[in-house]
Amino acid sequence: MSQSENNTQIALQDLRKEFDVPTGVEVAVDGIDLEINEGEFVTLVGPSGCGKTTTLRCIAGLETATEGTLLLEGENALNTAPQDRDLAMVFQRTALYPHMTARKNIEYPLKLAGMTRNERTEKVERAAEIVQVDGLLDKYPGELSGGQQQRIAISRAIVRDPVAFLMDEPMSDLDAKLKRQMRKELGKIHQELNATIIYVTHDQEEAMTMSDKIAVMNDGKIEQVGTPQEVYQEPTNSFVAQFIGSPEINMIDATVVDIDEARTVVDIEGGPSLAFETGEYLPEKADKDAVLGFRPRKVEAAEGSAPGIETTVSLHEPLGDETLMYLEGPQGELRAVVPIDTEIPEGNEATIVPEVAATYLFNRRTGERFSRGYLDSDEVAETVETRRAGQ
């Protein structure tokens, strides 16, 4: 993926979209701010109904924002007609004209723009070559596979040479193999054209593998913006931690038993006491409820009883060279991914220990993350012993 040149091309400022419904007003987009730089691949990701498609449609002009500002190359375009925004949209449905060949489908917007036949031919053939459909130009949509149709639709967007490409779940109807192929194709397009792409999906794997930057949305708001690595490794709250990452992060309730500006000590039901650096998110002392999060791929699992979180293996799910073990712990189901040659038989006891650096502590009430990485075992023992001695 290309590196952004730190030149803001599209900016959303306090963007809000309301819809009138029989019961009153429904807020689909709730005051979001987002900057998209030239040449950047930005993905809006989140569960169904979180507002990501509505946000994209507001950028395209297919929906009129209720409030806020939309800057396209520095100019406020909120009241600009869709056809004058110089944005190319690729939809979930390819919307190809069935009576036209692939060539005529691709060149159609150029014909509307009044380009000469020679200009159209040159642009169509170039776009088709980029997406590797140059051998399909004389076929009709009904003769093409779903993946080929989507490539034709992308070619139709490329020929316009727009300010940005807006893509609304263009791969949701494709099978797993075609999705992998299309992810590679989009990556090549992004690199070759240095294109600005705003991509909408509910599939966090698509977001993680293709994007320069991810905006995780929930309930009409942006929860976090960052690179795929930042969002995965430094989730700002429990929602982001749970939505990003596969298998889903483990979450178990913990109780804050001691806290000051330096240390937060928590007890885990059926597990050890752990001490975290309190960091900048010092919760109020009265707020004792926390949640401990740790990734299934970031645990050590040992058969039998040992220091750690005691569980029982309930199910294996083979993942090639690895095994996803489902575990029954004191607070319900947990997950651990281990090499296949270290899997623990179903029905046996297993003790799991989260890796130090990949463990997170969240405020249970607000969801806000206030620490990452518990202290090493010697410091934990010393901190817990000191705390207990003072009780």
Protein backbone atom coordinates (compact mmCIF):
# COMPACT_ATOMS: atom_id res chain seq x y z
CA MET A 1 0.00 0.00 0.00
CA SER A 2 1.24 3.46 -0.81
CA GLN A 3 2.21 5.88 1.87
CA SER A 4 0.05 8.95 2.30
CA GLU A 5 1.70 12.27 1.45
CA ASN A 6 -0.05 13.91 4.39
CA ASN A 7 -2.14 16.06 2.05
CA THR A 8 -5.75 16.13 3.22
CA GLN A 9 -8.01 15.52 0.25
CA ILE A 10 -11.34 14.78 1.98
CA ALA A 11 -12.33 15.96 5.43
CA LEU A 12 -15.50 15.34 7.42
CA GLN A 13 -16.15 17.78 10.25
CA ASP A 14 -18.90 17.16 12.79
CA LEU A 15 -20.91 15.34 10.12
CA ARG A 16 -24.40 14.34 11.21
CA LYS A 17 -27.21 12.61 9.37
CA GLU A 18 -30.73 12.21 10.73
CA PHE A 19 -33.67 10.34 9.23
CA ASP A 20 -37.31 10.96 10.01
CA VAL A 21 -38.97 7.77 11.26
CA PRO A 22 -42.49 7.10 12.58
CA THR A 23 -41.27 7.32 16.17
CA GLY A 24 -39.36 10.58 15.65
CA VAL A 25 -35.78 11.04 14.47
CA GLU A 26 -33.15 8.37 13.93
CA VAL A 27 -29.52 9.49 14.08
CA ALA A 28 -27.51 7.44 11.56
CA VAL A 29 -24.29 9.47 11.68
CA ASP A 30 -23.55 11.25 14.92
CA GLY A 31 -21.06 14.09 14.53
CA ILE A 32 -18.04 12.33 13.05
CA ASP A 33 -14.67 13.86 12.17
CA LEU A 34 -12.32 12.19 9.71
CA GLU A 35 -9.44 13.29 7.49
CA ILE A 36 -8.48 11.31 4.39
CA ASN A 37 -5.19 12.12 2.74
CA GLU A 38 -4.35 11.97 -0.94
CA GLY A 39 -3.43 8.44 -2.02
CA GLU A 40 -4.72 6.87 1.19
CA PHE A 41 -6.78 3.68 1.43
CA VAL A 42 -9.21 4.32 4.30
CA THR A 43 -11.74 1.73 5.42
CA LEU A 44 -14.90 2.42 7.39
CA VAL A 45 -15.56 -0.79 9.30
CA GLY A 46 -18.17 -1.75 11.83
CA PRO A 47 -21.26 -3.88 12.43
CA SER A 48 -24.42 -3.62 10.35
CA GLY A 49 -26.35 -0.44 11.09
CA CYS A 50 -23.37 1.48 12.52
CA GLY A 51 -23.59 4.29 9.93
CA LYS A 52 -20.66 3.47 7.65
CA THR A 53 -22.67 3.24 4.39
CA THR A 54 -24.65 6.37 5.27
CA THR A 55 -21.36 8.20 5.84
CA LEU A 56 -20.12 7.08 2.42
CA ARG A 57 -23.38 8.13 0.78
CA CYS A 58 -23.08 11.57 2.40
CA ILE A 59 -19.59 11.92 0.93
CA ALA A 60 -20.92 10.86 -2.50
CA GLY A 61 -23.91 13.21 -2.27
CA LEU A 62 -26.44 10.39 -2.45
CA GLU A 63 -27.59 11.46 1.02
CA THR A 64 -27.70 15.05 2.26
CA ALA A 65 -26.03 15.51 5.63
CA THR A 66 -28.19 17.17 8.28
CA GLU A 67 -25.28 19.10 9.78
CA GLY A 68 -21.53 19.45 9.45
CA THR A 69 -18.93 20.13 6.78
CA LEU A 70 -17.59 18.04 3.90
CA LEU A 71 -14.39 19.35 2.38
CA LEU A 72 -13.28 18.01 -1.01
CA GLU A 73 -9.81 19.29 -1.83
CA GLY A 74 -10.36 22.17 0.58
CA GLU A 75 -13.77 23.24 -0.75
CA ASN A 76 -17.03 22.73 1.14
CA ALA A 77 -19.00 20.32 -1.05
CA LEU A 78 -21.92 19.58 1.24
CA ASN A 79 -24.39 21.26 -1.10
CA THR A 80 -22.62 20.26 -4.33
CA ALA A 81 -24.56 17.96 -6.65
CA PRO A 82 -23.29 14.35 -6.73
CA GLN A 83 -22.27 14.55 -10.40
CA ASP A 84 -20.12 17.60 -9.66
CA ARG A 85 -18.12 16.05 -6.81
CA ASP A 86 -15.79 14.08 -9.11
CA LEU A 87 -16.12 10.91 -7.03
CA ALA A 88 -16.48 7.40 -8.46
CA MET A 89 -18.76 4.98 -6.63
CA VAL A 90 -18.51 1.19 -6.72
CA PHE A 91 -21.54 -0.49 -5.18
CA GLN A 92 -22.16 -3.91 -3.65
CA ARG A 93 -24.24 -4.71 -6.74
CA THR A 94 -22.28 -4.17 -9.93
CA ALA A 95 -25.15 -2.30 -11.69
CA LEU A 96 -23.83 -3.19 -15.14
CA TYR A 97 -26.09 -2.69 -18.13
CA PRO A 98 -26.94 -6.23 -19.30
CA HIS A 99 -27.50 -5.20 -22.94
CA MET A 100 -24.04 -3.61 -23.21
CA THR A 101 -20.70 -5.34 -23.61
CA ALA A 102 -18.09 -4.90 -20.90
CA ARG A 103 -16.35 -2.35 -23.12
CA LYS A 104 -19.48 -0.25 -23.52
CA ASN A 105 -20.24 -0.48 -19.79
CA ILE A 106 -16.78 0.83 -18.96
CA GLU A 107 -16.80 3.65 -21.51
CA TYR A 108 -20.35 4.81 -20.72
CA PRO A 109 -19.38 7.61 -18.27
CA LEU A 110 -16.77 8.83 -20.77
CA LYS A 111 -19.39 8.97 -23.50
CA LEU A 112 -21.61 11.05 -21.23
CA ALA A 113 -18.65 13.37 -20.64
CA GLY A 114 -18.35 13.94 -24.39
CA MET A 115 -14.98 12.29 -25.01
CA THR A 116 -14.02 11.27 -28.53
CA ARG A 117 -14.06 7.61 -29.55
CA ASN A 118 -10.26 7.43 -29.63
CA GLU A 119 -9.96 8.94 -26.16
CA ARG A 120 -12.57 6.52 -24.84
CA THR A 121 -10.87 3.50 -26.41
CA GLU A 122 -7.49 4.41 -24.93
CA LYS A 123 -8.89 4.94 -21.42
CA VAL A 124 -11.04 1.81 -21.47
CA GLU A 125 -8.19 -0.42 -22.58
CA ARG A 126 -5.86 1.06 -19.95
CA ALA A 127 -8.40 0.58 -17.14
CA ALA A 128 -9.19 -2.96 -18.27
CA GLU A 129 -5.49 -3.81 -18.32
CA ILE A 130 -5.01 -2.55 -14.74
CA VAL A 131 -7.85 -4.76 -13.48
CA GLN A 132 -6.85 -7.64 -15.79
CA VAL A 133 -10.11 -7.87 -17.74
CA ASP A 134 -8.73 -6.71 -21.09
CA GLY A 135 -9.61 -10.11 -22.59
CA LEU A 136 -13.26 -9.78 -21.56
CA LEU A 137 -14.20 -6.46 -23.15
CA ASP A 138 -16.42 -7.96 -25.85
CA LYS A 139 -18.41 -10.15 -23.46
CA TYR A 140 -21.78 -9.26 -21.95
CA PRO A 141 -22.32 -9.19 -18.14
CA GLY A 142 -24.37 -12.39 -18.29
CA GLU A 143 -21.33 -14.21 -19.67
CA LEU A 144 -19.08 -13.15 -16.78
CA SER A 145 -18.55 -14.52 -13.29
CA GLY A 146 -19.35 -12.43 -10.23
CA GLY A 147 -15.70 -11.54 -9.74
CA GLN A 148 -15.31 -10.54 -13.38
CA GLN A 149 -18.42 -8.36 -13.21
CA GLN A 150 -17.04 -6.59 -10.15
CA ARG A 151 -13.76 -5.96 -11.96
CA ILE A 152 -15.68 -4.43 -14.86
CA ALA A 153 -17.52 -2.18 -12.41
CA ILE A 154 -14.16 -1.11 -10.91
CA SER A 155 -12.80 -0.45 -14.42
CA ARG A 156 -15.79 1.81 -15.08
CA ALA A 157 -14.80 3.81 -12.00
CA ILE A 158 -11.10 3.94 -12.92
CA VAL A 159 -11.67 5.49 -16.37
CA ARG A 160 -13.14 8.59 -14.76
CA ASP A 161 -9.84 9.43 -12.99
CA PRO A 162 -11.81 10.79 -10.02
CA VAL A 163 -10.71 12.64 -6.89
CA ALA A 164 -11.46 9.46 -4.93
CA PHE A 165 -13.05 6.03 -5.25
CA LEU A 166 -15.93 5.23 -2.90
CA MET A 167 -16.55 1.50 -2.49
CA ASP A 168 -19.57 0.17 -0.62
CA GLU A 169 -18.98 -3.50 0.30
CA PRO A 170 -18.05 -4.43 -3.29
CA MET A 171 -16.95 -7.95 -2.32
CA SER A 172 -19.78 -9.01 -0.04
CA ASP A 173 -21.37 -11.27 -2.70
CA LEU A 174 -18.13 -13.04 -3.65
CA ASP A 175 -16.93 -16.37 -2.34
CA ALA A 176 -13.83 -16.61 -0.13
CA LYS A 177 -11.41 -17.37 -2.98
CA LEU A 178 -12.66 -14.52 -5.14
CA LYS A 179 -12.47 -12.17 -2.16
CA ARG A 180 -8.78 -12.98 -1.70
CA GLN A 181 -8.15 -12.38 -5.40
CA MET A 182 -10.06 -9.09 -5.38
CA ARG A 183 -8.18 -7.88 -2.29
CA LYS A 184 -4.93 -8.33 -4.22
CA GLU A 185 -6.37 -6.57 -7.27
CA LEU A 186 -7.51 -3.59 -5.21
CA GLY A 187 -4.09 -3.42 -3.60
CA LYS A 188 -2.47 -3.31 -7.04
CA ILE A 189 -4.91 -0.63 -8.23
CA HIS A 190 -4.19 1.44 -5.15
CA GLN A 191 -0.45 1.24 -5.73
CA GLU A 192 -0.47 1.76 -9.48
CA LEU A 193 -2.86 4.70 -9.51
CA ASN A 194 -1.87 6.16 -6.10
CA ALA A 195 -5.65 6.32 -5.72
CA THR A 196 -7.56 7.71 -2.78
CA ILE A 197 -10.01 4.99 -1.75
CA ILE A 198 -12.74 5.07 0.88
CA TYR A 199 -13.94 1.53 1.43
CA VAL A 200 -16.90 0.32 3.48
CA THR A 201 -17.10 -3.18 4.93
CA HIS A 202 -18.32 -5.11 7.96
CA ASP A 203 -15.51 -7.63 7.40
CA GLN A 204 -12.61 -6.76 9.68
CA GLU A 205 -10.28 -9.08 7.73
CA GLU A 206 -10.82 -6.97 4.59
CA ALA A 207 -10.15 -3.83 6.60
CA MET A 208 -6.98 -5.19 8.18
CA THR A 209 -5.43 -6.55 4.98
CA MET A 210 -6.05 -3.66 2.56
CA SER A 211 -6.09 -0.40 4.50
CA ASP A 212 -3.59 2.33 5.24
CA LYS A 213 -6.02 3.58 7.88
CA ILE A 214 -9.12 2.15 9.55
CA ALA A 215 -12.04 4.03 11.10
CA VAL A 216 -13.94 1.70 13.42
CA MET A 217 -17.57 2.79 13.66
CA ASN A 218 -20.30 1.96 16.15
CA ASP A 219 -23.75 3.45 16.64
CA GLY A 220 -23.13 6.33 14.22
CA LYS A 221 -19.80 7.35 15.75
CA ILE A 222 -16.14 6.69 15.06
CA GLU A 223 -14.65 4.79 17.98
CA GLN A 224 -11.04 4.84 16.77
CA VAL A 225 -8.97 5.82 13.73
CA GLY A 226 -5.52 4.38 13.10
CA THR A 227 -3.40 2.02 11.07
CA PRO A 228 -4.42 -1.65 11.16
CA GLN A 229 -1.56 -2.33 13.55
CA GLU A 230 -2.51 0.54 15.86
CA VAL A 231 -6.16 -0.46 16.01
CA TYR A 232 -5.28 -4.11 16.68
CA GLN A 233 -2.46 -3.55 19.16
CA GLU A 234 -3.73 -0.40 20.88
CA PRO A 235 -7.54 -0.58 20.95
CA THR A 236 -8.93 2.52 22.57
CA ASN A 237 -11.88 0.69 24.15
CA SER A 238 -13.45 -2.71 24.63
CA PHE A 239 -15.69 -2.39 21.55
CA VAL A 240 -12.72 -1.92 19.21
CA ALA A 241 -10.81 -4.73 20.93
CA GLN A 242 -13.73 -7.12 20.43
CA PHE A 243 -14.54 -6.10 16.86
CA ILE A 244 -10.98 -6.16 15.49
CA GLY A 245 -9.12 -9.45 15.59
CA SER A 246 -9.94 -13.07 14.80
CA PRO A 247 -10.57 -15.18 16.79
CA GLU A 248 -12.31 -12.62 18.98
CA ILE A 249 -10.43 -11.34 22.00
CA ASN A 250 -11.11 -13.00 25.36
CA MET A 251 -12.88 -10.77 27.87
CA ILE A 252 -13.29 -11.66 31.55
CA ASP A 253 -14.52 -9.57 34.47
CA ALA A 254 -11.96 -8.40 36.98
CA THR A 255 -12.19 -6.47 40.24
CA VAL A 256 -9.89 -3.57 41.06
CA VAL A 257 -8.63 -4.27 44.59
CA ASP A 258 -5.97 -1.57 44.83
CA ILE A 259 -5.25 1.53 42.76
CA ASP A 260 -3.09 4.63 42.82
CA GLU A 261 -1.44 6.80 40.18
CA ALA A 262 1.21 4.16 39.52
CA ARG A 263 -0.38 0.73 39.93
CA THR A 264 -3.75 -0.92 39.46
CA VAL A 265 -4.11 -4.38 41.02
CA VAL A 266 -6.98 -6.57 39.86
CA ASP A 267 -8.28 -9.94 41.00
CA ILE A 268 -9.63 -12.43 38.46
CA GLU A 269 -12.16 -15.08 39.39
CA GLY A 270 -10.44 -18.43 39.04
CA GLY A 271 -7.11 -16.77 38.26
CA PRO A 272 -4.24 -14.74 39.71
CA SER A 273 -4.03 -11.15 40.88
CA LEU A 274 -2.39 -8.95 38.27
CA ALA A 275 -0.84 -5.51 38.60
CA PHE A 276 -0.96 -2.99 35.75
CA GLU A 277 0.58 0.40 35.30
CA THR A 278 -2.35 2.76 35.79
CA GLY A 279 -1.18 5.12 33.04
CA GLU A 280 -3.06 8.23 31.93
CA TYR A 281 -6.57 6.77 32.29
CA LEU A 282 -6.80 6.74 36.09
CA PRO A 283 -10.39 5.70 36.84
CA GLU A 284 -12.13 6.94 39.94
CA LYS A 285 -11.23 4.87 43.00
CA ALA A 286 -14.90 4.06 43.53
CA ASP A 287 -15.10 2.40 40.12
CA LYS A 288 -13.89 -1.11 40.97
CA ASP A 289 -15.33 -2.99 37.99
CA ALA A 290 -12.90 -3.77 35.19
CA VAL A 291 -12.57 -6.14 32.24
CA LEU A 292 -9.41 -8.04 31.38
CA GLY A 293 -8.85 -8.64 27.65
CA PHE A 294 -6.30 -10.90 25.97
CA ARG A 295 -5.95 -12.29 22.46
CA PRO A 296 -6.40 -16.04 21.83
CA ARG A 297 -3.10 -16.09 19.94
CA LYS A 298 -1.30 -14.41 22.81
CA VAL A 299 -1.61 -17.05 25.54
CA GLU A 300 0.40 -19.94 26.87
CA ALA A 301 -1.60 -23.07 27.62
CA ALA A 302 -0.45 -25.89 29.91
CA GLU A 303 -2.22 -29.12 30.70
CA GLY A 304 -3.33 -29.59 34.29
CA SER A 305 -3.43 -27.20 37.22
CA ALA A 306 -0.81 -24.41 37.43
CA PRO A 307 -0.61 -20.69 38.23
CA GLY A 308 -2.91 -18.92 35.77
CA ILE A 309 -6.56 -19.11 34.71
CA GLU A 310 -7.89 -22.62 35.23
CA THR A 311 -10.17 -23.99 32.51
CA THR A 312 -11.37 -27.18 30.87
CA VAL A 313 -10.93 -27.83 27.12
CA SER A 314 -14.40 -28.23 25.59
CA LEU A 315 -13.76 -28.28 21.82
CA HIS A 316 -11.04 -28.24 19.15
CA GLU A 317 -11.29 -26.35 15.87
CA PRO A 318 -8.44 -27.27 13.47
CA LEU A 319 -6.76 -24.30 11.72
CA GLY A 320 -4.16 -26.11 9.64
CA ASP A 321 -0.91 -26.02 11.62
CA GLU A 322 -2.75 -24.55 14.60
CA THR A 323 -5.71 -25.51 16.77
CA LEU A 324 -8.30 -23.17 18.19
CA MET A 325 -9.19 -24.56 21.60
CA TYR A 326 -12.48 -23.56 23.20
CA LEU A 327 -12.16 -23.54 26.97
CA GLU A 328 -14.68 -23.39 29.77
CA GLY A 329 -13.45 -21.06 32.48
CA PRO A 330 -14.96 -19.74 35.70
CA GLN A 331 -16.70 -16.95 33.75
CA GLY A 332 -17.68 -18.87 30.64
CA GLU A 333 -16.04 -19.55 27.28
CA LEU A 334 -12.45 -18.58 26.51
CA ARG A 335 -10.35 -19.26 23.42
CA ALA A 336 -6.69 -20.12 22.82
CA VAL A 337 -4.84 -20.73 19.56
CA VAL A 338 -1.90 -23.12 19.93
CA PRO A 339 0.39 -25.11 17.61
CA ILE A 340 -1.29 -28.36 16.65
CA ASP A 341 1.41 -30.42 18.38
CA THR A 342 0.74 -28.71 21.73
CA GLU A 343 -3.05 -28.96 21.77
CA ILE A 344 -4.60 -30.29 24.96
CA PRO A 345 -7.17 -33.10 24.58
CA GLU A 346 -10.85 -32.25 24.87
CA GLY A 347 -12.18 -32.76 28.37
CA ASN A 348 -8.81 -32.20 30.05
CA GLU A 349 -7.95 -29.40 32.43
CA ALA A 350 -5.86 -26.56 31.01
CA THR A 351 -4.30 -23.51 32.61
CA ILE A 352 -3.83 -20.46 30.39
CA VAL A 353 -1.55 -17.50 31.01
CA PRO A 354 -1.96 -14.35 28.88
CA GLU A 355 1.20 -12.83 27.44
CA VAL A 356 2.28 -9.78 29.42
CA ALA A 357 2.40 -7.20 26.60
CA ALA A 358 -0.81 -8.36 24.88
CA THR A 359 -3.12 -8.03 27.88
CA TYR A 360 -5.50 -5.08 28.30
CA LEU A 361 -7.50 -3.63 31.16
CA PHE A 362 -10.77 -1.83 30.42
CA ASN A 363 -13.21 0.12 32.55
CA ARG A 364 -16.29 -2.13 32.63
CA ARG A 365 -18.73 0.78 32.82
CA THR A 366 -17.33 3.03 30.07
CA GLY A 367 -15.40 0.47 28.00
CA GLU A 368 -12.36 2.77 28.01
CA ARG A 369 -8.96 1.12 28.06
CA PHE A 370 -6.84 2.36 30.91
CA SER A 371 -3.85 0.05 30.81
CA ARG A 372 -1.98 -2.44 28.67
CA GLY A 373 0.55 -5.06 29.75
CA TYR A 374 0.57 -6.35 33.32
CA LEU A 375 3.81 -6.29 35.27
CA ASP A 376 6.13 -9.29 35.40
CA SER A 377 5.47 -12.04 37.92
CA ASP A 378 8.03 -10.87 40.50
CA GLU A 379 6.58 -7.35 40.54
CA VAL A 380 3.05 -8.76 40.66
CA ALA A 381 3.91 -10.92 43.66
CA GLU A 382 5.62 -8.02 45.43
CA THR A 383 2.75 -5.61 44.72
CA VAL A 384 0.07 -8.08 45.79
CA GLU A 385 1.99 -9.07 48.93
CA THR A 386 2.44 -5.43 49.91
CA ARG A 387 -1.24 -4.77 49.33
CA ARG A 388 -2.35 -7.75 51.36
CA ALA A 389 0.05 -6.94 54.19
CA GLY A 390 -1.61 -3.57 54.56
CA GLN A 391 -5.12 -5.00 54.83
